[in-house]
Every structure is written in structure tokens, then in C-alpha cells.
Amino acid sequence: MSIQDRHQAKRLQRQTMGYAACLLPFEQNGSISEAYFCAALERTTEAGLGCAVNMDTGYANYLTAAERTRVLELANQTIGGKRDFIAGAFVEGLEGDLVELYRSQMDEIVAHGGTPILFQTTRFHAWEPARVVELYEQVCDGYESVIAFELGSMFAPNGMIFHEETFAGLIRIPQLKGIKHSSLDRGIELQRLALRDRERPDFRIFTGNDLAIDMTEYGSDYLLGLAAFCPELFALRDQYWLAGDVRYAALTDAIQHLGNIAFRQPVPAYKHSCAIFQHLIGRCPSPLTHPRSAKRPDWEAGILADCVSRLGYPS
């Protein structure tokens, strides 16, 4: 797509659907902070964004089954009746039939009032597109609403970016209402949007590109870990875009500056950046992450303090 084509593709004053992949906070003693987690869910919902739990930002790949269930319980207690929420179905490392494994977790998510989003597994990385599509058809059969997930391997080894033929097959599955696309590649995402516009305009592409949050200008919605840092600023940014407010550009630039710092290599350490940022603004009881999660250097708080100031938060 040429620069001119990209400019013409912008969806000016478009209503954006946004979700934050909520961080799971930890107390100073290393235990999960349920109180601060629920406060984050409430804050995100009140800002006007949806919440996504048991995602990469919520350490879905490290939590036990019991811990993921507890997260669902907390989300249902906090958000239930107010609006929808999305929750990850994570089957990597589990033995058994993949359809049964996915559907067991999806049933639990739906029972708690959530919409399942399907994490990929290395077990089908080498499959042909038709076989992947067939799996998703079987997994989604009978559900009202399911979200697919393309997670780049820079985030987690179980992730993969689908072949275009696979993507084209997935968007034809009626129960799949959208896909979170986390390739961190504008070109691929623009191709996804073009195919979506031709084949199924109501299908949602939720950008997971924390290095290019302006993908919403081209027709993507979003489900971002970066939105967990400052959900109310994302909501304000969306309002500015919808209203054609000139303040949209400056706010987007300030948030993107934070994203460029937090999502640098190694990318999985962004969760530590998020915990540090949230701790700096008083929304997290500690800067700790899950003990198995990647860490940032000791000087991380210094560069994030500048982001805190630029975004207008007291520190």
C-alpha cells in the first residue's frame, strides 16, 4: 500500500472499540493482589474500555488452572452486569484432544460471563491452513461469540502469525466475531483489514500492535497491553478521534512514546514495565511481576517516570 493509499484509507471520526489487556498486579510479598486487580477492572470499565483477562499481560501462560479460574471469578464479580469482558483460553502444554481442551476452558469462561479468546498452541504450528480452520470450526461450534488470536512469537513461543489462507478461512466462521492481531507489523495488519473489508466488513480486527496504536485510524479496533498502563487516556484519545479534536495527535504521540519504551526488546518484559509504571502512579502495590516473567533493568523506573510526567500523571 502506497503512502497516498494509506492516507486515503484513514477512517476519520470513526467509533473505535477498545479493550485493555489487564495487568495482574502483585503485592510486595509476591502474592497476587486481588484488590488492586479489581480496582483496575473497575477503572478500565468506568473509562469506557472493555477488559481482557487471563491474557499475556495477565500471565495466562504462567498461571495455574485454579488461578485462572479465580481471575474469572473476580472479573465476573467486578464487571458482571456492567459490560462484556474477554478472557483467554490457554491450552499450551496440555495433553489431550485440542477441541475438548479448548471447549472445556471456553465453557468455564462463558459460565463466568466472558467471551473466549483462543490462544494458539505450538501443536498446530506446522499444520496446513485447511486443518487449522477445521479445528477452529469444531472449537467454535455452538458458541455465540468467540475471538481468535494471532500472537507473534516475539511475545510467546506458542504464538504464530497465520498464513493469509488461514486467516481468510477463519473470518468465514460465523461464531468468530473478530481476531486480535499481534504481529507488530503494519503491512500484515493492513492486508488483514483489506481482506476483512472485502469478505466480512462486520468482522473486528483488534490491533495488538503496541508500537503502532494509530492502526485504529485505518479501521482496526484494539486489544492492547499498552491500554492497561493508562486506560482513561486511551478512552480520551478515542473520544478525540471521534470528535475530530486536534488534541488527538498530541495525546497519541505521548501514549506511543510510552509504548515504544515499554515494548522494546525483550518484548515480554513489557509486563514489568507496566507494573513499574502502575506503581509509580499509585495503582499497583509493587513493581513486581510473576516470578517467571521477563524483567526490566533497575533503571527502568527512571525512564518511565518521564513518561508519567509527559502523560500528566502525578508521581
Protein backbone atom coordinates (compact mmCIF):
# COMPACT_ATOMS: atom_id res chain seq x y z
CA MET A 1 0.00 0.00 0.00
CA SER A 2 1.44 3.38 -1.03
CA ILE A 3 1.65 6.36 1.32
CA GLN A 4 -1.17 8.00 -0.64
CA ASP A 5 -3.33 4.87 -0.40
CA ARG A 6 -2.68 4.65 3.34
CA HIS A 7 -3.71 8.27 3.82
CA GLN A 8 -6.90 7.74 1.86
CA ALA A 9 -7.64 4.60 3.89
CA LYS A 10 -7.98 6.55 7.15
CA ARG A 11 -11.40 6.27 8.76
CA LEU A 12 -11.87 9.80 10.05
CA GLN A 13 -14.10 10.26 13.11
CA ARG A 14 -14.72 6.52 13.39
CA GLN A 15 -16.14 4.98 16.56
CA THR A 16 -13.41 2.72 17.96
CA MET A 17 -13.95 -0.37 20.10
CA GLY A 18 -11.16 -0.72 22.64
CA TYR A 19 -10.11 -3.32 25.20
CA ALA A 20 -7.26 -3.26 27.69
CA ALA A 21 -5.39 -6.50 28.38
CA CYS A 22 -5.39 -6.01 32.13
CA LEU A 23 -2.24 -6.47 34.18
CA LEU A 24 -2.34 -8.88 37.10
CA PRO A 25 -0.67 -6.97 39.97
CA PHE A 26 1.41 -8.46 42.79
CA GLU A 27 1.84 -7.48 46.43
CA GLN A 28 5.26 -6.81 47.95
CA ASN A 29 5.23 -10.35 49.34
CA GLY A 30 4.80 -11.78 45.84
CA SER A 31 1.15 -12.79 46.15
CA ILE A 32 -1.48 -11.76 43.59
CA SER A 33 -3.18 -8.53 44.63
CA GLU A 34 -6.87 -9.20 44.12
CA ALA A 35 -7.91 -5.80 45.47
CA TYR A 36 -5.71 -3.86 43.06
CA PHE A 37 -6.73 -6.13 40.20
CA CYS A 38 -10.42 -5.47 40.83
CA ALA A 39 -9.69 -1.75 41.10
CA ALA A 40 -8.01 -1.89 37.68
CA LEU A 41 -11.03 -3.68 36.21
CA GLU A 42 -13.35 -1.04 37.66
CA ARG A 43 -11.16 1.83 36.45
CA THR A 44 -10.92 0.40 32.94
CA THR A 45 -14.66 -0.22 32.71
CA GLU A 46 -15.55 3.22 34.05
CA ALA A 47 -13.23 4.79 31.47
CA GLY A 48 -15.28 3.13 28.73
CA LEU A 49 -12.87 0.37 27.67
CA GLY A 50 -13.52 -3.34 27.81
CA CYS A 51 -11.37 -5.59 29.97
CA ALA A 52 -9.47 -8.65 28.75
CA VAL A 53 -8.25 -11.02 31.46
CA ASN A 54 -6.07 -14.12 31.50
CA MET A 55 -4.18 -12.65 28.59
CA ASP A 56 -0.42 -12.39 28.07
CA THR A 57 -0.49 -9.23 30.24
CA GLY A 58 -2.25 -11.28 32.89
CA TYR A 59 0.40 -14.05 32.78
CA ALA A 60 -2.02 -16.62 31.32
CA ASN A 61 0.97 -18.75 30.30
CA TYR A 62 2.23 -18.90 33.89
CA LEU A 63 -0.95 -19.13 35.99
CA THR A 64 -2.31 -22.41 37.28
CA ALA A 65 -5.79 -23.50 36.23
CA ALA A 66 -7.06 -22.56 39.69
CA GLU A 67 -5.54 -19.08 39.43
CA ARG A 68 -7.12 -18.51 36.01
CA THR A 69 -10.47 -19.58 37.43
CA ARG A 70 -10.06 -17.12 40.30
CA VAL A 71 -9.36 -14.34 37.80
CA LEU A 72 -12.61 -15.20 36.03
CA GLU A 73 -14.47 -15.09 39.32
CA LEU A 74 -13.05 -11.65 40.12
CA ALA A 75 -13.87 -10.34 36.64
CA ASN A 76 -17.43 -11.60 36.90
CA GLN A 77 -17.87 -10.10 40.38
CA THR A 78 -16.42 -6.74 39.31
CA ILE A 79 -17.70 -6.29 35.75
CA GLY A 80 -20.64 -8.66 35.56
CA GLY A 81 -23.80 -6.84 34.53
CA LYS A 82 -21.92 -3.69 33.53
CA ARG A 83 -20.48 -4.82 30.20
CA ASP A 84 -18.75 -7.71 28.47
CA PHE A 85 -15.22 -8.89 29.10
CA ILE A 86 -12.82 -11.12 27.16
CA ALA A 87 -10.84 -13.97 28.70
CA GLY A 88 -8.07 -16.18 27.34
CA ALA A 89 -8.40 -19.91 26.69
CA PHE A 90 -4.84 -21.21 27.06
CA VAL A 91 -4.10 -24.86 26.19
CA GLU A 92 -0.35 -24.84 25.53
CA GLY A 93 1.40 -27.72 27.29
CA LEU A 94 -1.81 -29.66 27.99
CA GLU A 95 -2.24 -33.20 26.74
CA GLY A 96 -5.42 -34.46 25.13
CA ASP A 97 -7.76 -33.63 22.28
CA LEU A 98 -7.37 -29.97 21.34
CA VAL A 99 -11.06 -29.42 20.64
CA GLU A 100 -12.01 -30.77 24.06
CA LEU A 101 -9.25 -28.81 25.78
CA TYR A 102 -10.33 -25.52 24.21
CA ARG A 103 -14.03 -26.08 24.74
CA SER A 104 -13.59 -27.01 28.40
CA GLN A 105 -11.96 -23.65 29.09
CA MET A 106 -14.40 -21.81 26.84
CA ASP A 107 -17.32 -23.29 28.77
CA GLU A 108 -15.81 -22.01 32.01
CA ILE A 109 -15.25 -18.54 30.54
CA VAL A 110 -18.81 -18.31 29.22
CA ALA A 111 -20.17 -19.56 32.57
CA HIS A 112 -18.45 -16.60 34.23
CA GLY A 113 -19.90 -14.13 31.73
CA GLY A 114 -16.89 -13.73 29.46
CA THR A 115 -16.14 -14.08 25.76
CA PRO A 116 -13.38 -16.59 24.98
CA ILE A 117 -10.29 -15.60 23.04
CA LEU A 118 -8.28 -18.56 21.76
CA PHE A 119 -4.55 -18.56 22.41
CA GLN A 120 -2.63 -20.54 19.82
CA THR A 121 -0.63 -23.66 20.62
CA THR A 122 2.58 -24.98 19.11
CA ARG A 123 0.73 -28.22 18.38
CA PHE A 124 -0.73 -26.79 15.18
CA HIS A 125 2.17 -24.59 14.06
CA ALA A 126 3.07 -26.96 11.24
CA TRP A 127 -0.50 -27.65 10.14
CA GLU A 128 -1.83 -26.76 6.72
CA PRO A 129 -4.29 -23.81 6.65
CA ALA A 130 -7.32 -26.03 6.00
CA ARG A 131 -6.58 -28.14 9.06
CA VAL A 132 -6.25 -25.07 11.30
CA VAL A 133 -9.55 -23.66 10.00
CA GLU A 134 -11.24 -27.03 10.57
CA LEU A 135 -10.01 -27.07 14.17
CA TYR A 136 -11.43 -23.59 14.80
CA GLU A 137 -14.73 -24.57 13.22
CA GLN A 138 -15.02 -27.51 15.60
CA VAL A 139 -13.89 -25.49 18.60
CA CYS A 140 -16.32 -22.61 17.95
CA ASP A 141 -19.36 -24.68 17.02
CA GLY A 142 -22.35 -23.82 19.20
CA TYR A 143 -20.86 -20.72 20.87
CA GLU A 144 -22.42 -17.30 20.43
CA SER A 145 -19.21 -15.29 20.26
CA VAL A 146 -15.51 -16.22 20.11
CA ILE A 147 -12.37 -14.18 19.36
CA ALA A 148 -9.33 -15.63 17.59
CA PHE A 149 -5.75 -14.60 18.33
CA GLU A 150 -2.64 -14.11 16.22
CA LEU A 151 0.20 -13.75 18.71
CA GLY A 152 3.63 -13.06 17.29
CA SER A 153 6.41 -15.33 18.51
CA MET A 154 8.24 -12.27 19.93
CA PHE A 155 5.56 -12.29 22.65
CA ALA A 156 5.48 -16.04 23.33
CA PRO A 157 6.78 -19.18 21.59
CA ASN A 158 3.30 -20.73 21.31
CA GLY A 159 2.17 -17.81 19.13
CA MET A 160 2.20 -17.65 15.35
CA ILE A 161 1.06 -15.33 12.56
CA PHE A 162 -1.39 -17.20 10.37
CA HIS A 163 -0.93 -17.78 6.67
CA GLU A 164 -3.26 -15.46 4.74
CA GLU A 165 -5.21 -18.51 3.54
CA THR A 166 -5.77 -19.49 7.16
CA PHE A 167 -6.97 -16.00 8.06
CA ALA A 168 -9.34 -15.96 5.08
CA GLY A 169 -10.85 -19.23 6.29
CA LEU A 170 -11.17 -18.08 9.89
CA ILE A 171 -13.19 -14.96 9.10
CA ARG A 172 -15.80 -17.13 7.43
CA ILE A 173 -16.56 -18.92 10.71
CA PRO A 174 -19.81 -17.27 11.92
CA GLN A 175 -19.08 -17.70 15.63
CA LEU A 176 -15.75 -15.89 15.29
CA LYS A 177 -16.56 -12.21 15.72
CA GLY A 178 -13.02 -10.90 15.49
CA ILE A 179 -9.31 -11.55 15.84
CA LYS A 180 -6.58 -9.94 17.92
CA HIS A 181 -3.65 -9.37 15.59
CA SER A 182 -0.27 -9.03 17.31
CA SER A 183 2.34 -9.22 14.58
CA LEU A 184 3.75 -5.74 15.32
CA ASP A 185 3.77 -5.40 11.52
CA ARG A 186 1.71 -2.63 9.91
CA GLY A 187 1.88 -4.21 6.47
CA ILE A 188 0.38 -7.51 7.55
CA GLU A 189 -2.33 -5.79 9.56
CA LEU A 190 -3.26 -3.55 6.62
CA GLN A 191 -3.59 -6.70 4.49
CA ARG A 192 -5.86 -8.21 7.15
CA LEU A 193 -8.02 -5.08 7.09
CA ALA A 194 -8.28 -5.08 3.30
CA LEU A 195 -9.32 -8.75 3.23
CA ARG A 196 -11.81 -8.13 6.05
CA ASP A 197 -13.35 -5.18 4.20
CA ARG A 198 -13.83 -7.33 1.10
CA GLU A 199 -15.08 -10.53 2.73
CA ARG A 200 -16.77 -9.68 6.04
CA PRO A 201 -16.98 -5.99 6.99
CA ASP A 202 -18.53 -6.66 10.41
CA PHE A 203 -15.53 -8.79 11.49
CA ARG A 204 -13.36 -6.97 14.05
CA ILE A 205 -9.59 -6.69 13.70
CA PHE A 206 -8.31 -5.86 17.18
CA THR A 207 -4.83 -4.46 16.76
CA GLY A 208 -2.28 -5.78 19.20
CA ASN A 209 0.41 -3.51 17.79
CA ASP A 210 1.57 -1.54 20.81
CA LEU A 211 4.21 0.08 18.56
CA ALA A 212 1.58 1.49 16.18
CA ILE A 213 -1.52 2.41 18.13
CA ASP A 214 -2.64 4.63 15.24
CA MET A 215 -3.73 1.46 13.38
CA THR A 216 -7.17 2.42 14.68
CA GLU A 217 -7.10 5.23 12.13
CA TYR A 218 -7.22 2.64 9.35
CA GLY A 219 -10.12 0.56 10.62
CA SER A 220 -8.65 -1.60 13.38
CA ASP A 221 -10.14 -1.72 16.83
CA TYR A 222 -7.77 -2.60 19.67
CA LEU A 223 -6.95 -5.04 22.43
CA LEU A 224 -3.69 -3.77 23.83
CA GLY A 225 -1.43 -4.42 26.77
CA LEU A 226 -0.42 -0.77 26.48
CA ALA A 227 -4.01 0.24 27.25
CA ALA A 228 -3.57 -1.33 30.69
CA PHE A 229 -0.98 1.36 31.52
CA CYS A 230 -3.43 4.25 31.05
CA PRO A 231 -6.97 3.14 30.06
CA GLU A 232 -8.57 6.52 30.67
CA LEU A 233 -6.12 8.19 28.27
CA PHE A 234 -6.92 5.64 25.57
CA ALA A 235 -10.62 6.35 26.11
CA LEU A 236 -9.98 10.08 25.86
CA ARG A 237 -7.93 9.56 22.71
CA ASP A 238 -10.82 7.62 21.16
CA GLN A 239 -13.19 10.46 22.03
CA TYR A 240 -10.86 12.99 20.39
CA TRP A 241 -10.71 10.91 17.19
CA LEU A 242 -14.48 10.53 17.06
CA ALA A 243 -14.97 14.28 17.55
CA GLY A 244 -12.21 15.30 15.12
CA ASP A 245 -10.49 17.07 18.01
CA VAL A 246 -6.99 18.38 17.21
CA ARG A 247 -5.78 17.22 20.65
CA TYR A 248 -5.92 13.63 19.38
CA ALA A 249 -2.47 13.85 17.75
CA ALA A 250 -0.54 15.08 20.79
CA LEU A 251 -2.15 12.55 23.10
CA THR A 252 -1.49 9.70 20.66
CA ASP A 253 2.16 10.77 20.38
CA ALA A 254 2.57 10.80 24.17
CA ILE A 255 0.99 7.36 24.59
CA GLN A 256 3.03 5.97 21.70
CA HIS A 257 6.23 7.26 23.30
CA LEU A 258 5.36 5.15 26.33
CA GLY A 259 4.60 2.18 24.07
CA ASN A 260 7.94 2.44 22.29
CA ILE A 261 9.77 2.29 25.62
CA ALA A 262 7.66 -0.39 27.26
CA PHE A 263 7.52 -2.75 24.26
CA ARG A 264 11.19 -2.69 23.31
CA GLN A 265 13.17 -5.93 23.28
CA PRO A 266 12.78 -8.26 25.04
CA VAL A 267 9.11 -7.68 24.33
CA PRO A 268 7.67 -9.96 27.08
CA ALA A 269 9.30 -7.68 29.68
CA TYR A 270 6.66 -5.04 28.88
CA LYS A 271 4.65 -6.54 31.75
CA HIS A 272 7.39 -5.50 34.17
CA SER A 273 7.34 -2.02 32.61
CA CYS A 274 3.59 -1.92 33.16
CA ALA A 275 3.92 -2.93 36.82
CA ILE A 276 6.60 -0.27 37.36
CA PHE A 277 4.50 2.40 35.62
CA GLN A 278 1.38 1.46 37.59
CA HIS A 279 3.40 1.50 40.82
CA LEU A 280 4.76 4.96 40.03
CA ILE A 281 1.24 6.39 39.68
CA GLY A 282 -0.09 4.59 42.77
CA ARG A 283 -2.18 1.95 41.04
CA CYS A 284 -0.09 -1.11 41.83
CA PRO A 285 1.12 -2.16 45.30
CA SER A 286 4.56 -3.12 43.99
CA PRO A 287 6.58 -3.13 40.77
CA LEU A 288 6.78 -6.93 40.93
CA THR A 289 5.74 -9.30 38.17
CA HIS A 290 5.05 -13.01 38.08
CA PRO A 291 8.34 -14.65 39.16
CA ARG A 292 8.70 -16.46 35.83
CA SER A 293 8.12 -13.34 33.72
CA ALA A 294 10.89 -11.38 31.97
CA LYS A 295 12.31 -8.43 33.90
CA ARG A 296 13.50 -4.92 33.08
CA PRO A 297 16.75 -3.39 34.41
CA ASP A 298 16.93 -1.48 37.69
CA TRP A 299 16.93 1.87 35.88
CA GLU A 300 13.54 1.24 34.23
CA ALA A 301 11.68 3.39 36.76
CA GLY A 302 13.75 6.40 35.74
CA ILE A 303 12.75 6.38 32.08
CA LEU A 304 9.14 5.54 32.91
CA ALA A 305 8.98 8.47 35.34
CA ASP A 306 9.48 10.73 32.34
CA CYS A 307 6.52 9.04 30.62
CA VAL A 308 4.43 9.52 33.74
CA SER A 309 5.17 13.24 33.66
CA ARG A 310 4.58 13.58 29.91
CA LEU A 311 1.17 11.89 30.23
CA GLY A 312 0.16 14.25 33.05
CA TYR A 313 0.05 11.80 35.95
CA PRO A 314 1.19 12.90 39.40
CA SER A 315 4.17 10.92 40.65
